[in-house]
Amino acid sequence: SILGGHWQKLSFQHWKVHLLAGILLITLGNGFMALAGQTIPSGL
């Protein structure tokens, strides 16, 4: 994003949105999905 010239200044509100989205999508979504993989088959 930075080297390719795609980075734009974010408003404070949008910083909050994407930081919270990171928690929801990755920390909780991706993290708990991996934890579930210990007992739940990948297909299920």
All heavy atoms as atom14 arrays in JSON, in Angstrom:
{
  "sequence": "SILGGHWQKLSFQHWKVHLLAGILLITLGNGFMALAGQTIPSGL",
  "atom14_mask": [
    [1, 1, 1, 1, 1, 1, 0, 0, 0, 0, 0, 0, 0, 0],
    [1, 1, 1, 1, 1, 1, 1, 1, 0, 0, 0, 0, 0, 0],
    [1, 1, 1, 1, 1, 1, 1, 1, 0, 0, 0, 0, 0, 0],
    [1, 1, 1, 1, 0, 0, 0, 0, 0, 0, 0, 0, 0, 0],
    [1, 1, 1, 1, 0, 0, 0, 0, 0, 0, 0, 0, 0, 0],
    [1, 1, 1, 1, 1, 1, 1, 1, 1, 1, 0, 0, 0, 0],
    [1, 1, 1, 1, 1, 1, 1, 1, 1, 1, 1, 1, 1, 1],
    [1, 1, 1, 1, 1, 1, 1, 1, 1, 0, 0, 0, 0, 0],
    [1, 1, 1, 1, 1, 1, 1, 1, 1, 0, 0, 0, 0, 0],
    [1, 1, 1, 1, 1, 1, 1, 1, 0, 0, 0, 0, 0, 0],
    [1, 1, 1, 1, 1, 1, 0, 0, 0, 0, 0, 0, 0, 0],
    [1, 1, 1, 1, 1, 1, 1, 1, 1, 1, 1, 0, 0, 0],
    [1, 1, 1, 1, 1, 1, 1, 1, 1, 0, 0, 0, 0, 0],
    [1, 1, 1, 1, 1, 1, 1, 1, 1, 1, 0, 0, 0, 0],
    [1, 1, 1, 1, 1, 1, 1, 1, 1, 1, 1, 1, 1, 1],
    [1, 1, 1, 1, 1, 1, 1, 1, 1, 0, 0, 0, 0, 0],
    [1, 1, 1, 1, 1, 1, 1, 0, 0, 0, 0, 0, 0, 0],
    [1, 1, 1, 1, 1, 1, 1, 1, 1, 1, 0, 0, 0, 0],
    [1, 1, 1, 1, 1, 1, 1, 1, 0, 0, 0, 0, 0, 0],
    [1, 1, 1, 1, 1, 1, 1, 1, 0, 0, 0, 0, 0, 0],
    [1, 1, 1, 1, 1, 0, 0, 0, 0, 0, 0, 0, 0, 0],
    [1, 1, 1, 1, 0, 0, 0, 0, 0, 0, 0, 0, 0, 0],
    [1, 1, 1, 1, 1, 1, 1, 1, 0, 0, 0, 0, 0, 0],
    [1, 1, 1, 1, 1, 1, 1, 1, 0, 0, 0, 0, 0, 0],
    [1, 1, 1, 1, 1, 1, 1, 1, 0, 0, 0, 0, 0, 0],
    [1, 1, 1, 1, 1, 1, 1, 1, 0, 0, 0, 0, 0, 0],
    [1, 1, 1, 1, 1, 1, 1, 0, 0, 0, 0, 0, 0, 0],
    [1, 1, 1, 1, 1, 1, 1, 1, 0, 0, 0, 0, 0, 0],
    [1, 1, 1, 1, 0, 0, 0, 0, 0, 0, 0, 0, 0, 0],
    [1, 1, 1, 1, 1, 1, 1, 1, 0, 0, 0, 0, 0, 0],
    [1, 1, 1, 1, 0, 0, 0, 0, 0, 0, 0, 0, 0, 0],
    [1, 1, 1, 1, 1, 1, 1, 1, 1, 1, 1, 0, 0, 0],
    [1, 1, 1, 1, 1, 1, 1, 1, 0, 0, 0, 0, 0, 0],
    [1, 1, 1, 1, 1, 0, 0, 0, 0, 0, 0, 0, 0, 0],
    [1, 1, 1, 1, 1, 1, 1, 1, 0, 0, 0, 0, 0, 0],
    [1, 1, 1, 1, 1, 0, 0, 0, 0, 0, 0, 0, 0, 0],
    [1, 1, 1, 1, 0, 0, 0, 0, 0, 0, 0, 0, 0, 0],
    [1, 1, 1, 1, 1, 1, 1, 1, 1, 0, 0, 0, 0, 0],
    [1, 1, 1, 1, 1, 1, 1, 0, 0, 0, 0, 0, 0, 0],
    [1, 1, 1, 1, 1, 1, 1, 1, 0, 0, 0, 0, 0, 0],
    [1, 1, 1, 1, 1, 1, 1, 0, 0, 0, 0, 0, 0, 0],
    [1, 1, 1, 1, 1, 1, 0, 0, 0, 0, 0, 0, 0, 0],
    [1, 1, 1, 1, 0, 0, 0, 0, 0, 0, 0, 0, 0, 0],
    [1, 1, 1, 1, 1, 1, 1, 1, 0, 0, 0, 0, 0, 0]
  ],
  "atom14_positions": [
    [[0.81, -1.21, 0.0], [0.0, 0.0, 0.0], [0.85, 1.26, 0.0], [0.58, 2.21, -0.76], [-0.93, -0.01, 1.22], [-1.72, 1.15, 1.26], [0.0, 0.0, 0.0], [0.0, 0.0, 0.0], [0.0, 0.0, 0.0], [0.0, 0.0, 0.0], [0.0, 0.0, 0.0], [0.0, 0.0, 0.0], [0.0, 0.0, 0.0], [0.0, 0.0, 0.0]],
    [[1.9, 1.28, 0.83], [2.73, 2.47, 0.97], [3.63, 2.66, -0.25], [3.66, 3.73, -0.86], [3.58, 2.4, 2.25], [2.65, 2.43, 3.48], [4.58, 3.55, 2.31], [3.36, 2.13, 4.79], [0.0, 0.0, 0.0], [0.0, 0.0, 0.0], [0.0, 0.0, 0.0], [0.0, 0.0, 0.0], [0.0, 0.0, 0.0], [0.0, 0.0, 0.0]],
    [[4.37, 1.61, -0.64], [5.29, 1.72, -1.77], [4.55, 1.85, -3.1], [5.07, 2.45, -4.04], [6.23, 0.51, -1.8], [7.17, 0.35, -0.61], [8.1, -0.84, -0.81], [7.99, 1.63, -0.38], [0.0, 0.0, 0.0], [0.0, 0.0, 0.0], [0.0, 0.0, 0.0], [0.0, 0.0, 0.0], [0.0, 0.0, 0.0], [0.0, 0.0, 0.0]],
    [[3.36, 1.28, -3.15], [2.58, 1.35, -4.39], [1.79, 2.64, -4.53], [1.1, 2.84, -5.54], [0.0, 0.0, 0.0], [0.0, 0.0, 0.0], [0.0, 0.0, 0.0], [0.0, 0.0, 0.0], [0.0, 0.0, 0.0], [0.0, 0.0, 0.0], [0.0, 0.0, 0.0], [0.0, 0.0, 0.0], [0.0, 0.0, 0.0], [0.0, 0.0, 0.0]],
    [[1.87, 3.52, -3.53], [1.18, 4.8, -3.61], [-0.31, 4.71, -3.38], [-1.06, 5.61, -3.78], [0.0, 0.0, 0.0], [0.0, 0.0, 0.0], [0.0, 0.0, 0.0], [0.0, 0.0, 0.0], [0.0, 0.0, 0.0], [0.0, 0.0, 0.0], [0.0, 0.0, 0.0], [0.0, 0.0, 0.0], [0.0, 0.0, 0.0], [0.0, 0.0, 0.0]],
    [[-0.76, 3.64, -2.73], [-2.2, 3.46, -2.5], [-2.66, 4.0, -1.14], [-3.86, 4.1, -0.9], [-2.56, 1.97, -2.59], [-2.18, 1.33, -3.88], [-2.65, 1.78, -5.1], [-1.35, 0.28, -4.15], [-2.14, 1.02, -6.06], [-1.36, 0.12, -5.51], [0.0, 0.0, 0.0], [0.0, 0.0, 0.0], [0.0, 0.0, 0.0], [0.0, 0.0, 0.0]],
    [[-1.71, 4.3, -0.27], [-2.08, 4.73, 1.08], [-2.71, 6.11, 1.07], [-2.2, 7.03, 0.44], [-0.85, 4.74, 1.99], [-1.19, 5.03, 3.43], [-1.28, 6.26, 4.01], [-1.49, 4.07, 4.44], [-1.63, 6.13, 5.33], [-1.76, 4.81, 5.64], [-1.56, 2.68, 4.48], [-2.09, 4.18, 6.83], [-1.9, 2.06, 5.68], [-2.15, 2.8, 6.83]],
    [[-3.85, 6.24, 1.75], [-4.54, 7.51, 1.9], [-4.71, 7.81, 3.39], [-4.76, 6.91, 4.21], [-5.93, 7.46, 1.25], [-5.93, 7.13, -0.23], [-7.34, 7.04, -0.77], [-8.2, 7.86, -0.44], [-7.61, 6.02, -1.57], [0.0, 0.0, 0.0], [0.0, 0.0, 0.0], [0.0, 0.0, 0.0], [0.0, 0.0, 0.0], [0.0, 0.0, 0.0]],
    [[-4.81, 9.08, 3.69], [-5.03, 9.48, 5.07], [-6.42, 9.07, 5.5], [-7.41, 9.34, 4.83], [-4.86, 11.0, 5.22], [-5.0, 11.47, 6.65], [-4.79, 12.98, 6.76], [-4.94, 13.45, 8.2], [-4.74, 14.93, 8.31], [0.0, 0.0, 0.0], [0.0, 0.0, 0.0], [0.0, 0.0, 0.0], [0.0, 0.0, 0.0], [0.0, 0.0, 0.0]],
    [[-6.5, 8.39, 6.64], [-7.78, 7.94, 7.18], [-8.31, 8.93, 8.2], [-7.53, 9.51, 8.96], [-7.65, 6.58, 7.86], [-7.63, 5.32, 6.99], [-6.27, 5.12, 6.35], [-8.02, 4.1, 7.81], [0.0, 0.0, 0.0], [0.0, 0.0, 0.0], [0.0, 0.0, 0.0], [0.0, 0.0, 0.0], [0.0, 0.0, 0.0], [0.0, 0.0, 0.0]],
    [[-9.61, 9.1, 8.2], [-10.22, 9.9, 9.25], [-10.16, 9.11, 10.56], [-9.98, 7.89, 10.57], [-11.68, 10.2, 8.91], [-12.46, 9.0, 8.9], [0.0, 0.0, 0.0], [0.0, 0.0, 0.0], [0.0, 0.0, 0.0], [0.0, 0.0, 0.0], [0.0, 0.0, 0.0], [0.0, 0.0, 0.0], [0.0, 0.0, 0.0], [0.0, 0.0, 0.0]],
    [[-10.3, 9.81, 11.68], [-10.26, 9.14, 12.98], [-11.36, 8.09, 13.08], [-11.15, 6.99, 13.61], [-10.42, 10.17, 14.09], [-10.45, 9.57, 15.48], [-9.3, 9.05, 16.04], [-11.65, 9.53, 16.2], [-9.33, 8.48, 17.32], [-11.68, 8.96, 17.47], [-10.52, 8.44, 18.03], [0.0, 0.0, 0.0], [0.0, 0.0, 0.0], [0.0, 0.0, 0.0]],
    [[-12.53, 8.42, 12.52], [-13.66, 7.48, 12.56], [-13.34, 6.21, 11.79], [-13.63, 5.1, 12.24], [-14.91, 8.15, 11.97], [-16.15, 7.27, 11.97], [-16.6, 6.91, 13.38], [-16.47, 7.7, 14.3], [-17.13, 5.71, 13.55], [0.0, 0.0, 0.0], [0.0, 0.0, 0.0], [0.0, 0.0, 0.0], [0.0, 0.0, 0.0], [0.0, 0.0, 0.0]],
    [[-12.71, 6.35, 10.61], [-12.39, 5.18, 9.81], [-11.25, 4.36, 10.41], [-11.18, 3.15, 10.23], [-12.07, 5.6, 8.38], [-13.29, 5.96, 7.59], [-13.24, 6.47, 6.3], [-14.62, 5.87, 7.91], [-14.47, 6.68, 5.86], [-15.32, 6.33, 6.82], [0.0, 0.0, 0.0], [0.0, 0.0, 0.0], [0.0, 0.0, 0.0], [0.0, 0.0, 0.0]],
    [[-10.32, 5.02, 11.11], [-9.3, 4.27, 11.84], [-9.97, 3.35, 12.85], [-9.62, 2.17, 12.98], [-8.34, 5.22, 12.57], [-7.1, 5.56, 11.81], [-6.74, 6.77, 11.31], [-6.01, 4.67, 11.49], [-5.51, 6.7, 10.68], [-5.04, 5.43, 10.78], [-5.78, 3.31, 11.73], [-3.86, 4.87, 10.31], [-4.6, 2.75, 11.25], [-3.66, 3.52, 10.55]],
    [[-10.95, 3.88, 13.58], [-11.65, 3.08, 14.58], [-12.39, 1.92, 13.93], [-12.39, 0.8, 14.46], [-12.65, 3.95, 15.36], [-12.0, 4.97, 16.29], [-13.01, 5.52, 17.29], [-14.19, 6.18, 16.61], [-15.14, 6.77, 17.58], [0.0, 0.0, 0.0], [0.0, 0.0, 0.0], [0.0, 0.0, 0.0], [0.0, 0.0, 0.0], [0.0, 0.0, 0.0]],
    [[-13.0, 2.18, 12.77], [-13.74, 1.13, 12.07], [-12.82, -0.03, 11.69], [-13.12, -1.2, 11.96], [-14.42, 1.7, 10.81], [-14.98, 0.56, 9.94], [-15.54, 2.66, 11.19], [0.0, 0.0, 0.0], [0.0, 0.0, 0.0], [0.0, 0.0, 0.0], [0.0, 0.0, 0.0], [0.0, 0.0, 0.0], [0.0, 0.0, 0.0], [0.0, 0.0, 0.0]],
    [[-11.68, 0.28, 11.08], [-10.81, -0.78, 10.57], [-10.02, -1.47, 11.68], [-9.69, -2.66, 11.56], [-9.89, -0.23, 9.48], [-10.62, 0.11, 8.22], [-11.25, -0.85, 7.46], [-10.84, 1.3, 7.6], [-11.83, -0.27, 6.42], [-11.6, 1.03, 6.48], [0.0, 0.0, 0.0], [0.0, 0.0, 0.0], [0.0, 0.0, 0.0], [0.0, 0.0, 0.0]],
    [[-9.72, -0.76, 12.75], [-9.08, -1.41, 13.89], [-10.05, -2.39, 14.56], [-9.67, -3.52, 14.9], [-8.6, -0.37, 14.9], [-7.41, 0.5, 14.47], [-7.12, 1.57, 15.52], [-6.17, -0.35, 14.24], [0.0, 0.0, 0.0], [0.0, 0.0, 0.0], [0.0, 0.0, 0.0], [0.0, 0.0, 0.0], [0.0, 0.0, 0.0], [0.0, 0.0, 0.0]],
    [[-11.29, -1.97, 14.72], [-12.3, -2.86, 15.3], [-12.58, -4.02, 14.35], [-12.77, -5.17, 14.79], [-13.58, -2.09, 15.6], [-14.74, -2.91, 16.18], [-14.32, -3.6, 17.47], [-15.96, -2.02, 16.44], [0.0, 0.0, 0.0], [0.0, 0.0, 0.0], [0.0, 0.0, 0.0], [0.0, 0.0, 0.0], [0.0, 0.0, 0.0], [0.0, 0.0, 0.0]],
    [[-12.59, -3.73, 13.04], [-12.81, -4.79, 12.06], [-11.71, -5.84, 12.14], [-11.95, -7.04, 11.98], [-12.88, -4.2, 10.65], [0.0, 0.0, 0.0], [0.0, 0.0, 0.0], [0.0, 0.0, 0.0], [0.0, 0.0, 0.0], [0.0, 0.0, 0.0], [0.0, 0.0, 0.0], [0.0, 0.0, 0.0], [0.0, 0.0, 0.0], [0.0, 0.0, 0.0]],
    [[-10.47, -5.39, 12.39], [-9.37, -6.33, 12.55], [-9.59, -7.27, 13.72], [-9.28, -8.47, 13.65], [0.0, 0.0, 0.0], [0.0, 0.0, 0.0], [0.0, 0.0, 0.0], [0.0, 0.0, 0.0], [0.0, 0.0, 0.0], [0.0, 0.0, 0.0], [0.0, 0.0, 0.0], [0.0, 0.0, 0.0], [0.0, 0.0, 0.0], [0.0, 0.0, 0.0]],
    [[-10.14, -6.74, 14.8], [-10.44, -7.57, 15.98], [-11.55, -8.57, 15.65], [-11.47, -9.76, 15.98], [-10.84, -6.69, 17.17], [-9.66, -5.8, 17.58], [-11.3, -7.55, 18.34], [-10.0, -4.78, 18.64], [0.0, 0.0, 0.0], [0.0, 0.0, 0.0], [0.0, 0.0, 0.0], [0.0, 0.0, 0.0], [0.0, 0.0, 0.0], [0.0, 0.0, 0.0]],
    [[-12.6, -8.09, 14.98], [-13.74, -8.95, 14.66], [-13.39, -10.01, 13.62], [-13.67, -11.2, 13.8], [-14.92, -8.1, 14.16], [-15.59, -7.2, 15.19], [-16.56, -6.23, 14.52], [-16.31, -8.03, 16.25], [0.0, 0.0, 0.0], [0.0, 0.0, 0.0], [0.0, 0.0, 0.0], [0.0, 0.0, 0.0], [0.0, 0.0, 0.0], [0.0, 0.0, 0.0]],
    [[-12.75, -9.58, 12.53], [-12.47, -10.49, 11.42], [-11.33, -11.45, 11.74], [-11.42, -12.65, 11.45], [-12.13, -9.7, 10.16], [-13.22, -8.81, 9.58], [-12.67, -7.96, 8.44], [-14.4, -9.64, 9.1], [0.0, 0.0, 0.0], [0.0, 0.0, 0.0], [0.0, 0.0, 0.0], [0.0, 0.0, 0.0], [0.0, 0.0, 0.0], [0.0, 0.0, 0.0]],
    [[-10.25, -10.93, 12.3], [-9.04, -11.73, 12.47], [-8.93, -12.33, 13.88], [-8.86, -13.55, 14.04], [-7.78, -10.88, 12.17], [-7.89, -10.28, 10.76], [-6.53, -11.75, 12.3], [-8.05, -11.29, 9.65], [0.0, 0.0, 0.0], [0.0, 0.0, 0.0], [0.0, 0.0, 0.0], [0.0, 0.0, 0.0], [0.0, 0.0, 0.0], [0.0, 0.0, 0.0]],
    [[-8.92, -11.47, 14.91], [-8.73, -11.98, 16.27], [-9.84, -12.96, 16.65], [-9.57, -14.08, 17.11], [-8.68, -10.82, 17.28], [-7.68, -9.89, 16.89], [-8.37, -11.35, 18.67], [0.0, 0.0, 0.0], [0.0, 0.0, 0.0], [0.0, 0.0, 0.0], [0.0, 0.0, 0.0], [0.0, 0.0, 0.0], [0.0, 0.0, 0.0], [0.0, 0.0, 0.0]],
    [[-11.08, -12.55, 16.46], [-12.21, -13.4, 16.85], [-12.6, -14.37, 15.73], [-12.71, -15.58, 15.97], [-13.41, -12.53, 17.24], [-13.2, -11.62, 18.46], [-14.44, -10.78, 18.72], [-12.85, -12.44, 19.69], [0.0, 0.0, 0.0], [0.0, 0.0, 0.0], [0.0, 0.0, 0.0], [0.0, 0.0, 0.0], [0.0, 0.0, 0.0], [0.0, 0.0, 0.0]],
    [[-12.8, -13.86, 14.53], [-13.24, -14.71, 13.43], [-12.22, -15.77, 13.06], [-12.49, -16.98, 13.13], [0.0, 0.0, 0.0], [0.0, 0.0, 0.0], [0.0, 0.0, 0.0], [0.0, 0.0, 0.0], [0.0, 0.0, 0.0], [0.0, 0.0, 0.0], [0.0, 0.0, 0.0], [0.0, 0.0, 0.0], [0.0, 0.0, 0.0], [0.0, 0.0, 0.0]],
    [[-11.02, -15.33, 12.68], [-9.98, -16.26, 12.26], [-9.43, -17.06, 13.43], [-9.15, -18.26, 13.33], [-8.85, -15.47, 11.58], [-7.97, -16.34, 10.72], [-7.01, -16.92, 11.21], [-8.26, -16.43, 9.44], [0.0, 0.0, 0.0], [0.0, 0.0, 0.0], [0.0, 0.0, 0.0], [0.0, 0.0, 0.0], [0.0, 0.0, 0.0], [0.0, 0.0, 0.0]],
    [[-9.25, -16.4, 14.58], [-8.69, -17.07, 15.74], [-9.57, -18.19, 16.27], [-9.1, -19.31, 16.5], [0.0, 0.0, 0.0], [0.0, 0.0, 0.0], [0.0, 0.0, 0.0], [0.0, 0.0, 0.0], [0.0, 0.0, 0.0], [0.0, 0.0, 0.0], [0.0, 0.0, 0.0], [0.0, 0.0, 0.0], [0.0, 0.0, 0.0], [0.0, 0.0, 0.0]],
    [[-10.85, -17.92, 16.46], [-11.74, -18.95, 16.98], [-12.0, -20.04, 15.94], [-12.27, -21.19, 16.31], [-13.06, -18.32, 17.45], [-12.99, -17.8, 18.86], [-12.75, -16.46, 19.11], [-13.14, -18.66, 19.93], [-12.67, -15.98, 20.4], [-13.07, -18.19, 21.24], [-12.83, -16.85, 21.48], [0.0, 0.0, 0.0], [0.0, 0.0, 0.0], [0.0, 0.0, 0.0]],
    [[-11.92, -19.69, 14.67], [-12.04, -20.72, 13.64], [-10.9, -21.72, 13.75], [-11.08, -22.94, 13.64], [-12.04, -20.07, 12.25], [-11.99, -21.08, 11.1], [-13.41, -22.17, 11.04], [-14.68, -21.01, 10.56], [0.0, 0.0, 0.0], [0.0, 0.0, 0.0], [0.0, 0.0, 0.0], [0.0, 0.0, 0.0], [0.0, 0.0, 0.0], [0.0, 0.0, 0.0]],
    [[-9.68, -21.22, 14.0], [-8.53, -22.1, 14.16], [-8.66, -22.95, 15.41], [-8.33, -24.14, 15.41], [-7.24, -21.28, 14.2], [0.0, 0.0, 0.0], [0.0, 0.0, 0.0], [0.0, 0.0, 0.0], [0.0, 0.0, 0.0], [0.0, 0.0, 0.0], [0.0, 0.0, 0.0], [0.0, 0.0, 0.0], [0.0, 0.0, 0.0], [0.0, 0.0, 0.0]],
    [[-9.14, -22.35, 16.49], [-9.35, -23.11, 17.73], [-10.37, -24.23, 17.52], [-10.2, -25.35, 18.02], [-9.82, -22.18, 18.85], [-8.76, -21.24, 19.45], [-9.43, -20.24, 20.39], [-7.69, -22.03, 20.2], [0.0, 0.0, 0.0], [0.0, 0.0, 0.0], [0.0, 0.0, 0.0], [0.0, 0.0, 0.0], [0.0, 0.0, 0.0], [0.0, 0.0, 0.0]],
    [[-11.41, -23.93, 16.77], [-12.44, -24.94, 16.5], [-11.88, -26.09, 15.67], [-12.36, -27.23, 15.78], [-13.62, -24.3, 15.77], [0.0, 0.0, 0.0], [0.0, 0.0, 0.0], [0.0, 0.0, 0.0], [0.0, 0.0, 0.0], [0.0, 0.0, 0.0], [0.0, 0.0, 0.0], [0.0, 0.0, 0.0], [0.0, 0.0, 0.0], [0.0, 0.0, 0.0]],
    [[-10.87, -25.81, 14.85], [-10.29, -26.84, 13.99], [-9.65, -27.98, 14.75], [-9.38, -29.03, 14.16], [0.0, 0.0, 0.0], [0.0, 0.0, 0.0], [0.0, 0.0, 0.0], [0.0, 0.0, 0.0], [0.0, 0.0, 0.0], [0.0, 0.0, 0.0], [0.0, 0.0, 0.0], [0.0, 0.0, 0.0], [0.0, 0.0, 0.0], [0.0, 0.0, 0.0]],
    [[-9.41, -27.8, 16.04], [-8.85, -28.89, 16.84], [-9.85, -29.99, 17.1], [-9.48, -31.14, 17.35], [-8.35, -28.35, 18.18], [-7.18, -27.38, 18.08], [-6.75, -26.86, 19.44], [-7.53, -26.25, 20.16], [-5.51, -27.12, 19.79], [0.0, 0.0, 0.0], [0.0, 0.0, 0.0], [0.0, 0.0, 0.0], [0.0, 0.0, 0.0], [0.0, 0.0, 0.0]],
    [[-11.14, -29.65, 17.05], [-12.17, -30.65, 17.34], [-13.18, -30.82, 16.22], [-13.84, -31.85, 16.13], [-12.93, -30.26, 18.63], [-13.47, -28.94, 18.47], [-12.01, -30.28, 19.82], [0.0, 0.0, 0.0], [0.0, 0.0, 0.0], [0.0, 0.0, 0.0], [0.0, 0.0, 0.0], [0.0, 0.0, 0.0], [0.0, 0.0, 0.0], [0.0, 0.0, 0.0]],
    [[-13.32, -29.81, 15.34], [-14.32, -29.84, 14.28], [-13.63, -30.07, 12.93], [-12.67, -29.37, 12.6], [-15.12, -28.53, 14.23], [-15.73, -28.21, 15.59], [-16.21, -28.61, 13.16], [-16.71, -29.24, 16.09], [0.0, 0.0, 0.0], [0.0, 0.0, 0.0], [0.0, 0.0, 0.0], [0.0, 0.0, 0.0], [0.0, 0.0, 0.0], [0.0, 0.0, 0.0]],
    [[-14.1, -31.01, 12.12], [-13.51, -31.26, 10.81], [-13.59, -30.02, 9.91], [-14.48, -29.18, 10.07], [-14.37, -32.39, 10.24], [-14.99, -33.04, 11.42], [-15.2, -31.95, 12.42], [0.0, 0.0, 0.0], [0.0, 0.0, 0.0], [0.0, 0.0, 0.0], [0.0, 0.0, 0.0], [0.0, 0.0, 0.0], [0.0, 0.0, 0.0], [0.0, 0.0, 0.0]],
    [[-12.66, -29.92, 8.99], [-12.6, -28.75, 8.13], [-13.88, -28.56, 7.32], [-14.35, -27.44, 7.14], [-11.4, -28.85, 7.18], [-11.5, -30.02, 6.37], [0.0, 0.0, 0.0], [0.0, 0.0, 0.0], [0.0, 0.0, 0.0], [0.0, 0.0, 0.0], [0.0, 0.0, 0.0], [0.0, 0.0, 0.0], [0.0, 0.0, 0.0], [0.0, 0.0, 0.0]],
    [[-14.45, -29.66, 6.82], [-15.67, -29.56, 6.04], [-16.84, -29.04, 6.84], [-17.58, -28.16, 6.39], [0.0, 0.0, 0.0], [0.0, 0.0, 0.0], [0.0, 0.0, 0.0], [0.0, 0.0, 0.0], [0.0, 0.0, 0.0], [0.0, 0.0, 0.0], [0.0, 0.0, 0.0], [0.0, 0.0, 0.0], [0.0, 0.0, 0.0], [0.0, 0.0, 0.0]],
    [[-17.0, -29.55, 8.04], [-18.09, -29.09, 8.9], [-17.9, -27.64, 9.31], [-18.86, -26.88, 9.42], [-18.19, -29.99, 10.14], [-19.33, -29.68, 11.11], [-20.67, -29.65, 10.4], [-19.35, -30.7, 12.25], [0.0, 0.0, 0.0], [0.0, 0.0, 0.0], [0.0, 0.0, 0.0], [0.0, 0.0, 0.0], [0.0, 0.0, 0.0], [0.0, 0.0, 0.0]]
  ]
}
